[in-house]
């Protein structure tokens, strides 16, 4: 699953550490999601989308 997390984070001017704090996860988790090495749990995906005032579908994109 692809995602726009790095783009959205940069648009806000947040570091990976700041985003992690806002989401209640580690910087390493943010890095793993941004590099598409880790798909977040559904509750975390909802928190991410809510933080950016977007739908999940606007943050996470299906492969292909």
PDB file of N, CA and C in Angstrom:
ATOM      1  N   UNK A   1       0.835  -1.166   0.000  1.00  0.00           N
ATOM      2  CA  UNK A   1       0.000   0.000   0.000  1.00  0.00           C
ATOM      3  C   UNK A   1       0.887   1.240   0.000  1.00  0.00           C
ATOM      4  N   UNK A   2       0.615   2.136  -0.896  1.00  0.00           N
ATOM      5  CA  UNK A   2       1.350   3.392  -0.972  1.00  0.00           C
ATOM      6  C   UNK A   2       0.684   4.402  -0.060  1.00  0.00           C
ATOM      7  N   UNK A   3       1.454   5.429   0.329  1.00  0.00           N
ATOM      8  CA  UNK A   3       0.859   6.470   1.152  1.00  0.00           C
ATOM      9  C   UNK A   3       1.523   7.808   0.867  1.00  0.00           C
ATOM     10  N   UNK A   4       0.849   8.859   1.303  1.00  0.00           N
ATOM     11  CA  UNK A   4       1.314  10.230   1.084  1.00  0.00           C
ATOM     12  C   UNK A   4       1.840  10.851   2.380  1.00  0.00           C
ATOM     13  N   UNK A   5       2.194  10.036   3.351  1.00  0.00           N
ATOM     14  CA  UNK A   5       2.538  10.547   4.674  1.00  0.00           C
ATOM     15  C   UNK A   5       3.710  11.520   4.642  1.00  0.00           C
ATOM     16  N   UNK A   6       4.775  11.193   3.951  1.00  0.00           N
ATOM     17  CA  UNK A   6       5.940  12.092   3.900  1.00  0.00           C
ATOM     18  C   UNK A   6       5.570  13.433   3.283  1.00  0.00           C
ATOM     19  N   UNK A   7       4.794  13.399   2.229  1.00  0.00           N
ATOM     20  CA  UNK A   7       4.347  14.627   1.553  1.00  0.00           C
ATOM     21  C   UNK A   7       3.478  15.474   2.485  1.00  0.00           C
ATOM     22  N   UNK A   8       2.528  14.834   3.142  1.00  0.00           N
ATOM     23  CA  UNK A   8       1.628  15.555   4.038  1.00  0.00           C
ATOM     24  C   UNK A   8       2.382  16.138   5.229  1.00  0.00           C
ATOM     25  N   UNK A   9       3.306  15.360   5.769  1.00  0.00           N
ATOM     26  CA  UNK A   9       4.124  15.820   6.903  1.00  0.00           C
ATOM     27  C   UNK A   9       4.950  17.030   6.494  1.00  0.00           C
ATOM     28  N   UNK A  10       5.579  16.967   5.339  1.00  0.00           N
ATOM     29  CA  UNK A  10       6.410  18.073   4.852  1.00  0.00           C
ATOM     30  C   UNK A  10       5.569  19.326   4.621  1.00  0.00           C
ATOM     31  N   UNK A  11       4.359  19.147   4.104  1.00  0.00           N
ATOM     32  CA  UNK A  11       3.472  20.290   3.885  1.00  0.00           C
ATOM     33  C   UNK A  11       3.165  21.027   5.187  1.00  0.00           C
ATOM     34  N   UNK A  12       3.120  20.289   6.288  1.00  0.00           N
ATOM     35  CA  UNK A  12       2.858  20.888   7.596  1.00  0.00           C
ATOM     36  C   UNK A  12       4.132  21.439   8.247  1.00  0.00           C
ATOM     37  N   UNK A  13       5.294  21.067   7.694  1.00  0.00           N
ATOM     38  CA  UNK A  13       6.558  21.510   8.262  1.00  0.00           C
ATOM     39  C   UNK A  13       6.959  20.752   9.511  1.00  0.00           C
ATOM     40  N   UNK A  14       6.437  19.521   9.665  1.00  0.00           N
ATOM     41  CA  UNK A  14       6.732  18.714  10.840  1.00  0.00           C
ATOM     42  C   UNK A  14       7.890  17.768  10.562  1.00  0.00           C
ATOM     43  N   UNK A  15       8.689  17.503  11.579  1.00  0.00           N
ATOM     44  CA  UNK A  15       9.716  16.468  11.484  1.00  0.00           C
ATOM     45  C   UNK A  15       9.043  15.118  11.707  1.00  0.00           C
ATOM     46  N   UNK A  16       9.771  14.064  11.425  1.00  0.00           N
ATOM     47  CA  UNK A  16       9.239  12.729  11.695  1.00  0.00           C
ATOM     48  C   UNK A  16       8.994  12.555  13.188  1.00  0.00           C
ATOM     49  N   UNK A  17       9.868  13.123  14.008  1.00  0.00           N
ATOM     50  CA  UNK A  17       9.711  13.050  15.457  1.00  0.00           C
ATOM     51  C   UNK A  17       8.421  13.759  15.899  1.00  0.00           C
ATOM     52  N   UNK A  18       8.190  14.955  15.352  1.00  0.00           N
ATOM     53  CA  UNK A  18       6.980  15.706  15.707  1.00  0.00           C
ATOM     54  C   UNK A  18       5.719  14.953  15.302  1.00  0.00           C
ATOM     55  N   UNK A  19       5.724  14.379  14.113  1.00  0.00           N
ATOM     56  CA  UNK A  19       4.563  13.620  13.665  1.00  0.00           C
ATOM     57  C   UNK A  19       4.340  12.420  14.577  1.00  0.00           C
ATOM     58  N   UNK A  20       5.408  11.732  14.907  1.00  0.00           N
ATOM     59  CA  UNK A  20       5.294  10.588  15.810  1.00  0.00           C
ATOM     60  C   UNK A  20       4.674  10.985  17.139  1.00  0.00           C
ATOM     61  N   UNK A  21       5.107  12.110  17.691  1.00  0.00           N
ATOM     62  CA  UNK A  21       4.542  12.581  18.956  1.00  0.00           C
ATOM     63  C   UNK A  21       3.063  12.894  18.820  1.00  0.00           C
ATOM     64  N   UNK A  22       2.680  13.509  17.739  1.00  0.00           N
ATOM     65  CA  UNK A  22       1.266  13.853  17.511  1.00  0.00           C
ATOM     66  C   UNK A  22       0.405  12.596  17.381  1.00  0.00           C
ATOM     67  N   UNK A  23       1.003  11.529  16.858  1.00  0.00           N
ATOM     68  CA  UNK A  23       0.271  10.282  16.645  1.00  0.00           C
ATOM     69  C   UNK A  23       0.418   9.295  17.801  1.00  0.00           C
ATOM     70  N   UNK A  24       1.361   9.559  18.700  1.00  0.00           N
ATOM     71  CA  UNK A  24       1.596   8.635  19.803  1.00  0.00           C
ATOM     72  C   UNK A  24       2.374   7.405  19.396  1.00  0.00           C
ATOM     73  N   UNK A  25       3.255   7.563  18.394  1.00  0.00           N
ATOM     74  CA  UNK A  25       4.105   6.456  17.936  1.00  0.00           C
ATOM     75  C   UNK A  25       5.552   6.944  17.868  1.00  0.00           C
ATOM     76  N   UNK A  26       6.471   6.040  17.682  1.00  0.00           N
ATOM     77  CA  UNK A  26       7.883   6.403  17.608  1.00  0.00           C
ATOM     78  C   UNK A  26       8.238   6.993  16.243  1.00  0.00           C
ATOM     79  N   UNK A  27       9.360   7.694  16.231  1.00  0.00           N
ATOM     80  CA  UNK A  27       9.891   8.215  14.967  1.00  0.00           C
ATOM     81  C   UNK A  27      10.162   7.073  14.002  1.00  0.00           C
ATOM     82  N   UNK A  28      10.637   5.954  14.530  1.00  0.00           N
ATOM     83  CA  UNK A  28      10.936   4.784  13.695  1.00  0.00           C
ATOM     84  C   UNK A  28       9.675   4.258  13.011  1.00  0.00           C
ATOM     85  N   UNK A  29       8.543   4.322  13.710  1.00  0.00           N
ATOM     86  CA  UNK A  29       7.283   3.893  13.106  1.00  0.00           C
ATOM     87  C   UNK A  29       6.902   4.813  11.951  1.00  0.00           C
ATOM     88  N   UNK A  30       7.070   6.120  12.155  1.00  0.00           N
ATOM     89  CA  UNK A  30       6.772   7.086  11.090  1.00  0.00           C
ATOM     90  C   UNK A  30       7.668   6.797   9.879  1.00  0.00           C
ATOM     91  N   UNK A  31       8.944   6.581  10.119  1.00  0.00           N
ATOM     92  CA  UNK A  31       9.882   6.283   9.027  1.00  0.00           C
ATOM     93  C   UNK A  31       9.438   5.027   8.270  1.00  0.00           C
ATOM     94  N   UNK A  32       9.093   3.977   9.011  1.00  0.00           N
ATOM     95  CA  UNK A  32       8.694   2.711   8.381  1.00  0.00           C
ATOM     96  C   UNK A  32       7.429   2.886   7.541  1.00  0.00           C
ATOM     97  N   UNK A  33       6.475   3.670   8.031  1.00  0.00           N
ATOM     98  CA  UNK A  33       5.252   3.905   7.254  1.00  0.00           C
ATOM     99  C   UNK A  33       5.568   4.726   6.012  1.00  0.00           C
ATOM    100  N   UNK A  34       6.359   5.786   6.178  1.00  0.00           N
ATOM    101  CA  UNK A  34       6.706   6.634   5.032  1.00  0.00           C
ATOM    102  C   UNK A  34       7.446   5.855   3.947  1.00  0.00           C
ATOM    103  N   UNK A  35       8.311   4.932   4.343  1.00  0.00           N
ATOM    104  CA  UNK A  35       9.075   4.155   3.368  1.00  0.00           C
ATOM    105  C   UNK A  35       8.315   2.913   2.904  1.00  0.00           C
ATOM    106  N   UNK A  36       7.062   2.807   3.352  1.00  0.00           N
ATOM    107  CA  UNK A  36       6.175   1.717   2.956  1.00  0.00           C
ATOM    108  C   UNK A  36       6.728   0.344   3.322  1.00  0.00           C
ATOM    109  N   UNK A  37       7.436   0.296   4.462  1.00  0.00           N
ATOM    110  CA  UNK A  37       7.918  -0.976   4.998  1.00  0.00           C
ATOM    111  C   UNK A  37       6.940  -1.539   6.021  1.00  0.00           C
ATOM    112  N   UNK A  38       5.967  -0.710   6.420  1.00  0.00           N
ATOM    113  CA  UNK A  38       5.031  -1.082   7.476  1.00  0.00           C
ATOM    114  C   UNK A  38       3.686  -0.450   7.171  1.00  0.00           C
ATOM    115  N   UNK A  39       2.625  -1.269   7.181  1.00  0.00           N
ATOM    116  CA  UNK A  39       1.272  -0.750   7.031  1.00  0.00           C
ATOM    117  C   UNK A  39       0.714  -0.527   8.430  1.00  0.00           C
ATOM    118  N   UNK A  40       0.207   0.672   8.704  1.00  0.00           N
ATOM    119  CA  UNK A  40      -0.297   0.947  10.046  1.00  0.00           C
ATOM    120  C   UNK A  40      -1.567   0.160  10.346  1.00  0.00           C
ATOM    121  N   UNK A  41      -1.833  -0.024  11.630  1.00  0.00           N
ATOM    122  CA  UNK A  41      -3.096  -0.631  12.039  1.00  0.00           C
ATOM    123  C   UNK A  41      -4.231   0.287  11.604  1.00  0.00           C
ATOM    124  N   UNK A  42      -5.427  -0.250  11.575  1.00  0.00           N
ATOM    125  CA  UNK A  42      -6.579   0.559  11.184  1.00  0.00           C
ATOM    126  C   UNK A  42      -6.784   1.742  12.130  1.00  0.00           C
ATOM    127  N   UNK A  43      -6.697   1.553  13.459  1.00  0.00           N
ATOM    128  CA  UNK A  43      -6.841   2.722  14.339  1.00  0.00           C
ATOM    129  C   UNK A  43      -5.779   3.798  14.083  1.00  0.00           C
ATOM    130  N   UNK A  44      -4.549   3.386  13.818  1.00  0.00           N
ATOM    131  CA  UNK A  44      -3.495   4.357  13.533  1.00  0.00           C
ATOM    132  C   UNK A  44      -3.751   5.042  12.187  1.00  0.00           C
ATOM    133  N   UNK A  45      -4.208   4.302  11.204  1.00  0.00           N
ATOM    134  CA  UNK A  45      -4.531   4.907   9.902  1.00  0.00           C
ATOM    135  C   UNK A  45      -5.622   5.965  10.058  1.00  0.00           C
ATOM    136  N   UNK A  46      -6.618   5.673  10.890  1.00  0.00           N
ATOM    137  CA  UNK A  46      -7.665   6.663  11.146  1.00  0.00           C
ATOM    138  C   UNK A  46      -7.099   7.898  11.846  1.00  0.00           C
ATOM    139  N   UNK A  47      -6.191   7.708  12.821  1.00  0.00           N
ATOM    140  CA  UNK A  47      -5.580   8.853  13.508  1.00  0.00           C
ATOM    141  C   UNK A  47      -4.770   9.704  12.540  1.00  0.00           C
ATOM    142  N   UNK A  48      -4.045   9.050  11.639  1.00  0.00           N
ATOM    143  CA  UNK A  48      -3.258   9.784  10.639  1.00  0.00           C
ATOM    144  C   UNK A  48      -4.177  10.618   9.757  1.00  0.00           C
ATOM    145  N   UNK A  49      -5.204   9.992   9.225  1.00  0.00           N
ATOM    146  CA  UNK A  49      -6.130  10.706   8.348  1.00  0.00           C
ATOM    147  C   UNK A  49      -6.793  11.869   9.090  1.00  0.00           C
ATOM    148  N   UNK A  50      -7.217  11.624  10.319  1.00  0.00           N
ATOM    149  CA  UNK A  50      -7.875  12.669  11.103  1.00  0.00           C
ATOM    150  C   UNK A  50      -6.924  13.829  11.379  1.00  0.00           C
ATOM    151  N   UNK A  51      -5.674  13.530  11.674  1.00  0.00           N
ATOM    152  CA  UNK A  51      -4.688  14.577  11.954  1.00  0.00           C
ATOM    153  C   UNK A  51      -4.554  15.535  10.773  1.00  0.00           C
ATOM    154  N   UNK A  52      -4.630  15.010   9.562  1.00  0.00           N
ATOM    155  CA  UNK A  52      -4.497  15.838   8.363  1.00  0.00           C
ATOM    156  C   UNK A  52      -5.854  16.275   7.794  1.00  0.00           C
ATOM    157  N   UNK A  53      -6.928  15.967   8.508  1.00  0.00           N
ATOM    158  CA  UNK A  53      -8.294  16.308   8.062  1.00  0.00           C
ATOM    159  C   UNK A  53      -8.595  15.745   6.677  1.00  0.00           C
ATOM    160  N   UNK A  54      -8.192  14.490   6.476  1.00  0.00           N
ATOM    161  CA  UNK A  54      -8.408  13.802   5.210  1.00  0.00           C
ATOM    162  C   UNK A  54      -9.091  12.468   5.464  1.00  0.00           C
ATOM    163  N   UNK A  55      -9.598  11.871   4.418  1.00  0.00           N
ATOM    164  CA  UNK A  55     -10.112  10.508   4.533  1.00  0.00           C
ATOM    165  C   UNK A  55      -8.927   9.545   4.427  1.00  0.00           C
ATOM    166  N   UNK A  56      -9.129   8.340   4.885  1.00  0.00           N
ATOM    167  CA  UNK A  56      -8.067   7.327   4.781  1.00  0.00           C
ATOM    168  C   UNK A  56      -7.667   7.138   3.323  1.00  0.00           C
ATOM    169  N   UNK A  57      -8.646   7.173   2.425  1.00  0.00           N
ATOM    170  CA  UNK A  57      -8.368   6.968   1.005  1.00  0.00           C
ATOM    171  C   UNK A  57      -7.524   8.082   0.400  1.00  0.00           C
ATOM    172  N   UNK A  58      -7.513   9.263   1.031  1.00  0.00           N
ATOM    173  CA  UNK A  58      -6.703  10.359   0.553  1.00  0.00           C
ATOM    174  C   UNK A  58      -5.254  10.265   1.047  1.00  0.00           C
ATOM    175  N   UNK A  59      -5.032   9.452   2.072  1.00  0.00           N
ATOM    176  CA  UNK A  59      -3.683   9.277   2.622  1.00  0.00           C
ATOM    177  C   UNK A  59      -3.055   7.989   2.112  1.00  0.00           C
ATOM    178  N   UNK A  60      -3.842   6.917   2.103  1.00  0.00           N
ATOM    179  CA  UNK A  60      -3.345   5.594   1.724  1.00  0.00           C
ATOM    180  C   UNK A  60      -3.941   5.176   0.398  1.00  0.00           C
ATOM    181  N   UNK A  61      -3.069   4.780  -0.525  1.00  0.00           N
ATOM    182  CA  UNK A  61      -3.477   4.466  -1.891  1.00  0.00           C
ATOM    183  C   UNK A  61      -3.179   2.997  -2.179  1.00  0.00           C
ATOM    184  N   UNK A  62      -4.078   2.307  -2.852  1.00  0.00           N
ATOM    185  CA  UNK A  62      -3.819   0.899  -3.174  1.00  0.00           C
ATOM    186  C   UNK A  62      -2.662   0.776  -4.165  1.00  0.00           C
ATOM    187  N   UNK A  63      -1.929  -0.327  -4.065  1.00  0.00           N
ATOM    188  CA  UNK A  63      -0.862  -0.588  -5.035  1.00  0.00           C
ATOM    189  C   UNK A  63      -1.470  -0.798  -6.414  1.00  0.00           C
ATOM    190  N   UNK A  64      -0.697  -0.379  -7.414  1.00  0.00           N
ATOM    191  CA  UNK A  64      -1.135  -0.597  -8.787  1.00  0.00           C
ATOM    192  C   UNK A  64      -2.110   0.419  -9.184  1.00  0.00           C
TER     193      UNK A  64
END
